[in-house]
Structure formats: C-alpha cells, structure tokens
Amino acid sequence: MVRYLIRKTLKGASFSNVTELKEAIEAFITRHNQNAQPFKWRRPEVKGSQIKNTIANLRN
C-alpha cells in the first residue's frame, strides 16, 4: 500500500509543511478505505533459466 500511496498521492507533490503532508496522507487513507478490498499477494513466477543464471552469476 505504501507504493500505491507514493504513486497516487506523493509523487510530484510539494508540501509547505508537515501538516499539509499529513493531511494529504489522511485524505488518501479516507478515499482508499471507502472501497477497500483485501490485498491479494502474488508471488512472481520464477523460470528455470532465471535460477540457472542466478547460480551461474553467484559462481563467478
């Protein structure tokens, strides 16, 4: 969720003081919680060739 907060609220934003930053974060949380759904964790798929390359790189 932190990455989403940064991408949607903080990236490119400018705040004059900590209070403005805090208000922006709280507004994001309020908006997000209106339609909140459980987060579905996904593991990235690892292919055999990636494992072989990693092992080869570690040996060098």
Protein backbone atom coordinates (compact mmCIF):
# COMPACT_ATOMS: atom_id res chain seq x y z
CA MET A 1 0.00 0.00 0.00
CA VAL A 2 2.92 2.32 0.62
CA ARG A 3 3.96 2.13 -3.02
CA TYR A 4 0.38 2.92 -4.08
CA LEU A 5 0.29 5.89 -1.68
CA ILE A 6 3.53 7.24 -3.11
CA ARG A 7 2.42 6.76 -6.72
CA LYS A 8 -1.06 8.21 -6.29
CA THR A 9 -0.56 10.94 -3.70
CA LEU A 10 3.02 11.89 -3.01
CA LYS A 11 4.85 11.56 -6.34
CA GLY A 12 5.46 15.03 -7.76
CA ALA A 13 3.62 16.70 -4.88
CA SER A 14 5.01 19.61 -2.93
CA PHE A 15 4.13 20.37 0.65
CA SER A 16 4.92 23.57 2.55
CA ASN A 17 4.94 21.87 5.92
CA VAL A 18 4.42 18.59 7.70
CA THR A 19 0.78 19.38 8.39
CA GLU A 20 -0.01 19.52 4.65
CA LEU A 21 1.77 16.21 4.12
CA LYS A 22 -0.16 14.63 6.98
CA GLU A 23 -3.48 15.92 5.59
CA ALA A 24 -2.69 14.53 2.13
CA ILE A 25 -1.88 11.11 3.58
CA GLU A 26 -5.01 11.10 5.74
CA ALA A 27 -7.16 12.12 2.74
CA PHE A 28 -5.65 9.25 0.72
CA ILE A 29 -6.43 6.78 3.51
CA THR A 30 -10.02 8.04 3.76
CA ARG A 31 -10.53 7.72 -0.02
CA HIS A 32 -8.91 4.31 -0.14
CA ASN A 33 -10.92 2.93 2.78
CA GLN A 34 -14.24 3.81 1.12
CA ASN A 35 -13.77 0.97 -1.38
CA ALA A 36 -11.14 -1.11 0.39
CA GLN A 37 -10.75 -4.76 -0.53
CA PRO A 38 -8.39 -7.40 0.81
CA PHE A 39 -4.98 -7.25 -0.82
CA LYS A 40 -4.11 -10.34 -2.84
CA TRP A 41 -0.42 -11.20 -2.57
CA ARG A 42 1.09 -12.71 -5.67
CA ARG A 43 4.41 -14.47 -5.93
CA PRO A 44 6.31 -13.72 -9.11
CA GLU A 45 6.79 -16.67 -11.40
CA VAL A 46 10.39 -17.85 -11.50
CA LYS A 47 11.56 -19.69 -14.59
CA GLY A 48 14.23 -22.36 -14.59
CA SER A 49 16.52 -20.28 -16.78
CA GLN A 50 16.44 -17.46 -14.21
CA ILE A 51 17.56 -19.85 -11.47
CA LYS A 52 20.38 -21.20 -13.67
CA ASN A 53 21.55 -17.66 -14.47
CA THR A 54 21.48 -16.69 -10.80
CA ILE A 55 23.52 -19.74 -9.83
CA ALA A 56 26.00 -19.07 -12.64
CA ASN A 57 26.37 -15.45 -11.53
CA LEU A 58 26.98 -16.48 -7.94
CA ARG A 59 29.76 -18.86 -9.01
CA ASN A 60 31.62 -16.07 -10.83
